[in-house]
Amino acid sequence: MSLKETLNDYEIQLDDNQIDLLLKYMDLVLEKNKVMNLTAITEEEMFHVKHFVDSLYVLNLFDFEENKTIIDVGTGAGFPAP
């Protein structure tokens, strides 16, 4: 299943450019993971869910008004970074 399909399943709306950037980020993380233990999740579909969906799903839970600020307190390996 593609990242776009996965995001649609969770009602997370991103444009094609944002999806492309996430896929490039995934490729970088998985490449670096070969020499440094960043994540145990290396299968792409699980990566989509466990890293991207888990990080982005909060967008469905709250009404983020324009010009509001949120903080990323970190969860390891840079997630949620996108």
PDB file of N, CA and C in Angstrom:
ATOM      1  N   MET A   1       0.852  -1.172   0.000  1.00  0.00           N
ATOM      2  CA  MET A   1       0.000   0.000   0.000  1.00  0.00           C
ATOM      3  C   MET A   1       0.900   1.238   0.000  1.00  0.00           C
ATOM      4  N   SER A   2       0.534   2.215  -0.781  1.00  0.00           N
ATOM      5  CA  SER A   2       1.329   3.437  -0.872  1.00  0.00           C
ATOM      6  C   SER A   2       1.121   4.315   0.366  1.00  0.00           C
ATOM      7  N   LEU A   3       2.045   5.234   0.582  1.00  0.00           N
ATOM      8  CA  LEU A   3       1.901   6.163   1.701  1.00  0.00           C
ATOM      9  C   LEU A   3       0.634   6.990   1.546  1.00  0.00           C
ATOM     10  N   LYS A   4       0.337   7.417   0.338  1.00  0.00           N
ATOM     11  CA  LYS A   4      -0.870   8.220   0.107  1.00  0.00           C
ATOM     12  C   LYS A   4      -2.124   7.433   0.503  1.00  0.00           C
ATOM     13  N   GLU A   5      -2.180   6.159   0.134  1.00  0.00           N
ATOM     14  CA  GLU A   5      -3.324   5.317   0.494  1.00  0.00           C
ATOM     15  C   GLU A   5      -3.410   5.121   2.008  1.00  0.00           C
ATOM     16  N   THR A   6      -2.270   4.917   2.636  1.00  0.00           N
ATOM     17  CA  THR A   6      -2.247   4.743   4.091  1.00  0.00           C
ATOM     18  C   THR A   6      -2.752   5.994   4.788  1.00  0.00           C
ATOM     19  N   LEU A   7      -2.258   7.143   4.372  1.00  0.00           N
ATOM     20  CA  LEU A   7      -2.700   8.399   4.970  1.00  0.00           C
ATOM     21  C   LEU A   7      -4.194   8.613   4.753  1.00  0.00           C
ATOM     22  N   ASN A   8      -4.688   8.300   3.566  1.00  0.00           N
ATOM     23  CA  ASN A   8      -6.121   8.423   3.291  1.00  0.00           C
ATOM     24  C   ASN A   8      -6.944   7.518   4.206  1.00  0.00           C
ATOM     25  N   ASP A   9      -6.450   6.312   4.491  1.00  0.00           N
ATOM     26  CA  ASP A   9      -7.153   5.396   5.393  1.00  0.00           C
ATOM     27  C   ASP A   9      -7.341   6.008   6.778  1.00  0.00           C
ATOM     28  N   TYR A  10      -6.384   6.843   7.186  1.00  0.00           N
ATOM     29  CA  TYR A  10      -6.454   7.482   8.504  1.00  0.00           C
ATOM     30  C   TYR A  10      -6.963   8.928   8.414  1.00  0.00           C
ATOM     31  N   GLU A  11      -7.487   9.282   7.259  1.00  0.00           N
ATOM     32  CA  GLU A  11      -8.051  10.611   7.012  1.00  0.00           C
ATOM     33  C   GLU A  11      -7.052  11.737   7.274  1.00  0.00           C
ATOM     34  N   ILE A  12      -5.801  11.483   6.887  1.00  0.00           N
ATOM     35  CA  ILE A  12      -4.747  12.494   6.972  1.00  0.00           C
ATOM     36  C   ILE A  12      -4.524  13.011   5.563  1.00  0.00           C
ATOM     37  N   GLN A  13      -4.774  14.296   5.372  1.00  0.00           N
ATOM     38  CA  GLN A  13      -4.699  14.896   4.043  1.00  0.00           C
ATOM     39  C   GLN A  13      -3.387  15.662   3.871  1.00  0.00           C
ATOM     40  N   LEU A  14      -2.553  15.185   2.972  1.00  0.00           N
ATOM     41  CA  LEU A  14      -1.321  15.873   2.610  1.00  0.00           C
ATOM     42  C   LEU A  14      -1.278  16.002   1.099  1.00  0.00           C
ATOM     43  N   ASP A  15      -0.603  17.041   0.626  1.00  0.00           N
ATOM     44  CA  ASP A  15      -0.478  17.176  -0.825  1.00  0.00           C
ATOM     45  C   ASP A  15       0.664  16.288  -1.327  1.00  0.00           C
ATOM     46  N   ASP A  16       0.766  16.150  -2.641  1.00  0.00           N
ATOM     47  CA  ASP A  16       1.755  15.257  -3.234  1.00  0.00           C
ATOM     48  C   ASP A  16       3.184  15.665  -2.884  1.00  0.00           C
ATOM     49  N   ASN A  17       3.454  16.945  -2.794  1.00  0.00           N
ATOM     50  CA  ASN A  17       4.794  17.396  -2.432  1.00  0.00           C
ATOM     51  C   ASN A  17       5.140  16.971  -0.999  1.00  0.00           C
ATOM     52  N   GLN A  18       4.212  17.108  -0.080  1.00  0.00           N
ATOM     53  CA  GLN A  18       4.444  16.701   1.304  1.00  0.00           C
ATOM     54  C   GLN A  18       4.683  15.193   1.390  1.00  0.00           C
ATOM     55  N   ILE A  19       3.927  14.431   0.636  1.00  0.00           N
ATOM     56  CA  ILE A  19       4.105  12.976   0.615  1.00  0.00           C
ATOM     57  C   ILE A  19       5.472  12.624   0.054  1.00  0.00           C
ATOM     58  N   ASP A  20       5.880  13.285  -1.024  1.00  0.00           N
ATOM     59  CA  ASP A  20       7.205  13.047  -1.601  1.00  0.00           C
ATOM     60  C   ASP A  20       8.309  13.348  -0.588  1.00  0.00           C
ATOM     61  N   LEU A  21       8.159  14.427   0.161  1.00  0.00           N
ATOM     62  CA  LEU A  21       9.159  14.772   1.176  1.00  0.00           C
ATOM     63  C   LEU A  21       9.219  13.712   2.279  1.00  0.00           C
ATOM     64  N   LEU A  22       8.067  13.202   2.694  1.00  0.00           N
ATOM     65  CA  LEU A  22       8.053  12.140   3.703  1.00  0.00           C
ATOM     66  C   LEU A  22       8.739  10.882   3.185  1.00  0.00           C
ATOM     67  N   LEU A  23       8.493  10.535   1.934  1.00  0.00           N
ATOM     68  CA  LEU A  23       9.127   9.354   1.354  1.00  0.00           C
ATOM     69  C   LEU A  23      10.642   9.523   1.257  1.00  0.00           C
ATOM     70  N   LYS A  24      11.098  10.713   0.908  1.00  0.00           N
ATOM     71  CA  LYS A  24      12.538  10.978   0.883  1.00  0.00           C
ATOM     72  C   LYS A  24      13.125  10.875   2.285  1.00  0.00           C
ATOM     73  N   TYR A  25      12.401  11.390   3.272  1.00  0.00           N
ATOM     74  CA  TYR A  25      12.832  11.309   4.664  1.00  0.00           C
ATOM     75  C   TYR A  25      12.927   9.847   5.101  1.00  0.00           C
ATOM     76  N   MET A  26      11.929   9.050   4.744  1.00  0.00           N
ATOM     77  CA  MET A  26      11.944   7.625   5.065  1.00  0.00           C
ATOM     78  C   MET A  26      13.172   6.953   4.462  1.00  0.00           C
ATOM     79  N   ASP A  27      13.449   7.253   3.209  1.00  0.00           N
ATOM     80  CA  ASP A  27      14.623   6.672   2.548  1.00  0.00           C
ATOM     81  C   ASP A  27      15.908   7.036   3.283  1.00  0.00           C
ATOM     82  N   LEU A  28      16.027   8.288   3.706  1.00  0.00           N
ATOM     83  CA  LEU A  28      17.219   8.726   4.444  1.00  0.00           C
ATOM     84  C   LEU A  28      17.350   7.999   5.784  1.00  0.00           C
ATOM     85  N   VAL A  29      16.243   7.890   6.505  1.00  0.00           N
ATOM     86  CA  VAL A  29      16.265   7.199   7.802  1.00  0.00           C
ATOM     87  C   VAL A  29      16.635   5.731   7.618  1.00  0.00           C
ATOM     88  N   LEU A  30      16.027   5.070   6.646  1.00  0.00           N
ATOM     89  CA  LEU A  30      16.313   3.654   6.432  1.00  0.00           C
ATOM     90  C   LEU A  30      17.743   3.436   5.954  1.00  0.00           C
ATOM     91  N   GLU A  31      18.261   4.342   5.173  1.00  0.00           N
ATOM     92  CA  GLU A  31      19.654   4.230   4.728  1.00  0.00           C
ATOM     93  C   GLU A  31      20.607   4.399   5.913  1.00  0.00           C
ATOM     94  N   LYS A  32      20.383   5.403   6.734  1.00  0.00           N
ATOM     95  CA  LYS A  32      21.232   5.629   7.907  1.00  0.00           C
ATOM     96  C   LYS A  32      21.062   4.512   8.926  1.00  0.00           C
ATOM     97  N   ASN A  33      19.886   3.908   8.966  1.00  0.00           N
ATOM     98  CA  ASN A  33      19.607   2.812   9.891  1.00  0.00           C
ATOM     99  C   ASN A  33      20.500   1.603   9.631  1.00  0.00           C
ATOM    100  N   LYS A  34      21.049   1.505   8.434  1.00  0.00           N
ATOM    101  CA  LYS A  34      21.938   0.390   8.103  1.00  0.00           C
ATOM    102  C   LYS A  34      23.239   0.447   8.890  1.00  0.00           C
ATOM    103  N   VAL A  35      23.643   1.643   9.311  1.00  0.00           N
ATOM    104  CA  VAL A  35      24.902   1.795  10.045  1.00  0.00           C
ATOM    105  C   VAL A  35      24.700   2.299  11.470  1.00  0.00           C
ATOM    106  N   MET A  36      23.501   2.735  11.796  1.00  0.00           N
ATOM    107  CA  MET A  36      23.201   3.273  13.117  1.00  0.00           C
ATOM    108  C   MET A  36      21.777   2.862  13.483  1.00  0.00           C
ATOM    109  N   ASN A  37      21.587   2.331  14.662  1.00  0.00           N
ATOM    110  CA  ASN A  37      20.271   1.830  15.056  1.00  0.00           C
ATOM    111  C   ASN A  37      19.318   2.984  15.370  1.00  0.00           C
ATOM    112  N   LEU A  38      18.530   3.387  14.380  1.00  0.00           N
ATOM    113  CA  LEU A  38      17.536   4.440  14.556  1.00  0.00           C
ATOM    114  C   LEU A  38      16.147   3.882  14.798  1.00  0.00           C
ATOM    115  N   THR A  39      15.825   2.785  14.132  1.00  0.00           N
ATOM    116  CA  THR A  39      14.490   2.204  14.248  1.00  0.00           C
ATOM    117  C   THR A  39      14.545   0.708  13.941  1.00  0.00           C
ATOM    118  N   ALA A  40      13.699  -0.045  14.638  1.00  0.00           N
ATOM    119  CA  ALA A  40      13.563  -1.475  14.347  1.00  0.00           C
ATOM    120  C   ALA A  40      12.583  -1.691  13.202  1.00  0.00           C
ATOM    121  N   ILE A  41      11.851  -0.655  12.857  1.00  0.00           N
ATOM    122  CA  ILE A  41      10.820  -0.756  11.815  1.00  0.00           C
ATOM    123  C   ILE A  41      11.450  -0.406  10.472  1.00  0.00           C
ATOM    124  N   THR A  42      11.635  -1.418   9.634  1.00  0.00           N
ATOM    125  CA  THR A  42      12.284  -1.196   8.345  1.00  0.00           C
ATOM    126  C   THR A  42      11.404  -1.563   7.158  1.00  0.00           C
ATOM    127  N   GLU A  43      10.272  -2.218   7.414  1.00  0.00           N
ATOM    128  CA  GLU A  43       9.342  -2.554   6.337  1.00  0.00           C
ATOM    129  C   GLU A  43       8.524  -1.298   6.030  1.00  0.00           C
ATOM    130  N   GLU A  44       8.440  -0.935   4.749  1.00  0.00           N
ATOM    131  CA  GLU A  44       7.886   0.363   4.363  1.00  0.00           C
ATOM    132  C   GLU A  44       6.465   0.609   4.849  1.00  0.00           C
ATOM    133  N   GLU A  45       5.567  -0.355   4.698  1.00  0.00           N
ATOM    134  CA  GLU A  45       4.178  -0.115   5.119  1.00  0.00           C
ATOM    135  C   GLU A  45       4.082   0.092   6.630  1.00  0.00           C
ATOM    136  N   MET A  46       4.859  -0.657   7.396  1.00  0.00           N
ATOM    137  CA  MET A  46       4.864  -0.456   8.848  1.00  0.00           C
ATOM    138  C   MET A  46       5.503   0.880   9.199  1.00  0.00           C
ATOM    139  N   PHE A  47       6.523   1.278   8.453  1.00  0.00           N
ATOM    140  CA  PHE A  47       7.155   2.581   8.649  1.00  0.00           C
ATOM    141  C   PHE A  47       6.120   3.680   8.457  1.00  0.00           C
ATOM    142  N   HIS A  48       5.309   3.555   7.406  1.00  0.00           N
ATOM    143  CA  HIS A  48       4.260   4.547   7.135  1.00  0.00           C
ATOM    144  C   HIS A  48       3.341   4.709   8.339  1.00  0.00           C
ATOM    145  N   VAL A  49       2.907   3.582   8.903  1.00  0.00           N
ATOM    146  CA  VAL A  49       1.949   3.629  10.012  1.00  0.00           C
ATOM    147  C   VAL A  49       2.622   4.022  11.317  1.00  0.00           C
ATOM    148  N   LYS A  50       3.689   3.331  11.675  1.00  0.00           N
ATOM    149  CA  LYS A  50       4.295   3.510  12.993  1.00  0.00           C
ATOM    150  C   LYS A  50       5.055   4.827  13.147  1.00  0.00           C
ATOM    151  N   HIS A  51       5.520   5.385  12.059  1.00  0.00           N
ATOM    152  CA  HIS A  51       6.243   6.646  12.165  1.00  0.00           C
ATOM    153  C   HIS A  51       5.422   7.825  11.647  1.00  0.00           C
ATOM    154  N   PHE A  52       4.939   7.740  10.436  1.00  0.00           N
ATOM    155  CA  PHE A  52       4.235   8.889   9.863  1.00  0.00           C
ATOM    156  C   PHE A  52       2.814   9.040  10.408  1.00  0.00           C
ATOM    157  N   VAL A  53       2.012   7.998  10.337  1.00  0.00           N
ATOM    158  CA  VAL A  53       0.638   8.103  10.826  1.00  0.00           C
ATOM    159  C   VAL A  53       0.622   8.413  12.321  1.00  0.00           C
ATOM    160  N   ASP A  54       1.445   7.710  13.082  1.00  0.00           N
ATOM    161  CA  ASP A  54       1.489   7.964  14.529  1.00  0.00           C
ATOM    162  C   ASP A  54       1.870   9.410  14.832  1.00  0.00           C
ATOM    163  N   SER A  55       2.708  10.004  14.006  1.00  0.00           N
ATOM    164  CA  SER A  55       3.129  11.391  14.216  1.00  0.00           C
ATOM    165  C   SER A  55       2.092  12.398  13.733  1.00  0.00           C
ATOM    166  N   LEU A  56       1.400  12.068  12.655  1.00  0.00           N
ATOM    167  CA  LEU A  56       0.490  13.019  12.019  1.00  0.00           C
ATOM    168  C   LEU A  56      -0.962  12.905  12.478  1.00  0.00           C
ATOM    169  N   TYR A  57      -1.318  11.797  13.101  1.00  0.00           N
ATOM    170  CA  TYR A  57      -2.730  11.584  13.461  1.00  0.00           C
ATOM    171  C   TYR A  57      -3.261  12.657  14.404  1.00  0.00           C
ATOM    172  N   VAL A  58      -2.380  13.264  15.168  1.00  0.00           N
ATOM    173  CA  VAL A  58      -2.792  14.333  16.085  1.00  0.00           C
ATOM    174  C   VAL A  58      -3.498  15.467  15.339  1.00  0.00           C
ATOM    175  N   LEU A  59      -3.206  15.619  14.064  1.00  0.00           N
ATOM    176  CA  LEU A  59      -3.869  16.650  13.264  1.00  0.00           C
ATOM    177  C   LEU A  59      -5.371  16.425  13.188  1.00  0.00           C
ATOM    178  N   ASN A  60      -5.811  15.178  13.353  1.00  0.00           N
ATOM    179  CA  ASN A  60      -7.245  14.858  13.332  1.00  0.00           C
ATOM    180  C   ASN A  60      -7.905  15.023  14.691  1.00  0.00           C
ATOM    181  N   LEU A  61      -7.119  15.151  15.729  1.00  0.00           N
ATOM    182  CA  LEU A  61      -7.664  15.161  17.085  1.00  0.00           C
ATOM    183  C   LEU A  61      -7.944  16.550  17.628  1.00  0.00           C
ATOM    184  N   PHE A  62      -7.264  17.535  17.100  1.00  0.00           N
ATOM    185  CA  PHE A  62      -7.390  18.891  17.616  1.00  0.00           C
ATOM    186  C   PHE A  62      -7.648  19.862  16.475  1.00  0.00           C
ATOM    187  N   ASP A  63      -8.282  20.963  16.784  1.00  0.00           N
ATOM    188  CA  ASP A  63      -8.506  22.019  15.814  1.00  0.00           C
ATOM    189  C   ASP A  63      -7.366  23.029  15.959  1.00  0.00           C
ATOM    190  N   PHE A  64      -6.366  22.874  15.122  1.00  0.00           N
ATOM    191  CA  PHE A  64      -5.221  23.773  15.175  1.00  0.00           C
ATOM    192  C   PHE A  64      -5.558  25.047  14.408  1.00  0.00           C
ATOM    193  N   GLU A  65      -5.711  26.112  15.149  1.00  0.00           N
ATOM    194  CA  GLU A  65      -6.010  27.390  14.514  1.00  0.00           C
ATOM    195  C   GLU A  65      -4.743  27.937  13.865  1.00  0.00           C
ATOM    196  N   GLU A  66      -4.931  28.733  12.851  1.00  0.00           N
ATOM    197  CA  GLU A  66      -3.797  29.342  12.175  1.00  0.00           C
ATOM    198  C   GLU A  66      -2.978  30.164  13.160  1.00  0.00           C
ATOM    199  N   ASN A  67      -1.664  30.099  13.009  1.00  0.00           N
ATOM    200  CA  ASN A  67      -0.701  30.839  13.827  1.00  0.00           C
ATOM    201  C   ASN A  67      -0.611  30.336  15.260  1.00  0.00           C
ATOM    202  N   LYS A  68      -1.065  29.131  15.530  1.00  0.00           N
ATOM    203  CA  LYS A  68      -0.865  28.525  16.844  1.00  0.00           C
ATOM    204  C   LYS A  68       0.466  27.785  16.829  1.00  0.00           C
ATOM    205  N   THR A  69       1.044  27.595  17.981  1.00  0.00           N
ATOM    206  CA  THR A  69       2.330  26.934  18.095  1.00  0.00           C
ATOM    207  C   THR A  69       2.169  25.639  18.871  1.00  0.00           C
ATOM    208  N   ILE A  70       2.837  24.597  18.394  1.00  0.00           N
ATOM    209  CA  ILE A  70       2.893  23.344  19.127  1.00  0.00           C
ATOM    210  C   ILE A  70       4.365  22.977  19.275  1.00  0.00           C
ATOM    211  N   ILE A  71       4.656  22.081  20.193  1.00  0.00           N
ATOM    212  CA  ILE A  71       6.033  21.664  20.430  1.00  0.00           C
ATOM    213  C   ILE A  71       6.164  20.167  20.206  1.00  0.00           C
ATOM    214  N   ASP A  72       7.275  19.783  19.624  1.00  0.00           N
ATOM    215  CA  ASP A  72       7.638  18.389  19.432  1.00  0.00           C
ATOM    216  C   ASP A  72       8.590  18.028  20.565  1.00  0.00           C
ATOM    217  N   VAL A  73       8.143  17.183  21.487  1.00  0.00           N
ATOM    218  CA  VAL A  73       8.995  16.803  22.610  1.00  0.00           C
ATOM    219  C   VAL A  73       9.877  15.607  22.278  1.00  0.00           C
ATOM    220  N   GLY A  74       9.712  15.062  21.075  1.00  0.00           N
ATOM    221  CA  GLY A  74      10.583  13.995  20.598  1.00  0.00           C
ATOM    222  C   GLY A  74      10.161  12.611  21.051  1.00  0.00           C
ATOM    223  N   THR A  75      10.381  11.653  20.161  1.00  0.00           N
ATOM    224  CA  THR A  75      10.040  10.262  20.466  1.00  0.00           C
ATOM    225  C   THR A  75      11.140   9.319  20.010  1.00  0.00           C
ATOM    226  N   GLY A  76      12.284   9.831  19.649  1.00  0.00           N
ATOM    227  CA  GLY A  76      13.365   8.998  19.165  1.00  0.00           C
ATOM    228  C   GLY A  76      13.410   8.965  17.655  1.00  0.00           C
ATOM    229  N   ALA A  77      14.590   8.860  17.111  1.00  0.00           N
ATOM    230  CA  ALA A  77      14.857   8.812  15.669  1.00  0.00           C
ATOM    231  C   ALA A  77      14.257  10.006  14.919  1.00  0.00           C
ATOM    232  N   GLY A  78      13.954  11.069  15.642  1.00  0.00           N
ATOM    233  CA  GLY A  78      13.463  12.263  14.985  1.00  0.00           C
ATOM    234  C   GLY A  78      11.981  12.309  14.735  1.00  0.00           C
ATOM    235  N   PHE A  79      11.216  11.377  15.280  1.00  0.00           N
ATOM    236  CA  PHE A  79       9.777  11.374  15.046  1.00  0.00           C
ATOM    237  C   PHE A  79       9.063  11.994  16.226  1.00  0.00           C
ATOM    238  N   PRO A  80       8.099  12.855  16.031  1.00  0.00           N
ATOM    239  CA  PRO A  80       7.622  13.353  14.743  1.00  0.00           C
ATOM    240  C   PRO A  80       8.444  14.551  14.278  1.00  0.00           C
ATOM    241  N   ALA A  81       9.150  14.378  13.202  1.00  0.00           N
ATOM    242  CA  ALA A  81       9.969  15.455  12.654  1.00  0.00           C
ATOM    243  C   ALA A  81       9.344  16.125  11.440  1.00  0.00           C
ATOM    244  N   PRO A  82       8.600  15.366  10.580  1.00  0.00           N
ATOM    245  CA  PRO A  82       8.106  15.989   9.361  1.00  0.00           C
ATOM    246  C   PRO A  82       7.193  17.163   9.574  1.00  0.00           C
TER     247      PRO A  82
END
